[in-house]
C-alpha cells in the first residue's frame, strides 16, 4: 500500500489539523541468547541434568509443528509526527503486505 510522505490530519497536542510526517513503526531490540532466564544460559548453569522431565531445560524437538493457518500479512503501524509541535502519534495497524512511503 502506498502512503504519501506527509498527511494533513488532526494533532491531539495542537488540537487542530496540521501536516504530519509519515513513517512506519519499527520493532524493538530482541533479547539476547544469554539474558536472564534464557534456555542457553540455563544449560550453561547445568539446569538440564539429572533424572526425570527437565521441562523448559530439556532437549527441544528437532522441528516444531506448525499449528493453525499460515500467517497472512502483518499489521503495520504508522507513526505520524506533527511538523508544528514535533510530537508523534501512532496510527493503529492495517493489514498490508508492503508499505511504500512516497
Foldseek 3Di string as FASTA:
>chain_A
DEAEQWDFDADPVVRGTAIWGKDWDDDDDDDDQCDPPHQVVCVVVVQADDDDDSPPNHDDDPDDDDDDDDDDFDWIKMWIAGPPPRDIDIDGTDGDRDYHHD
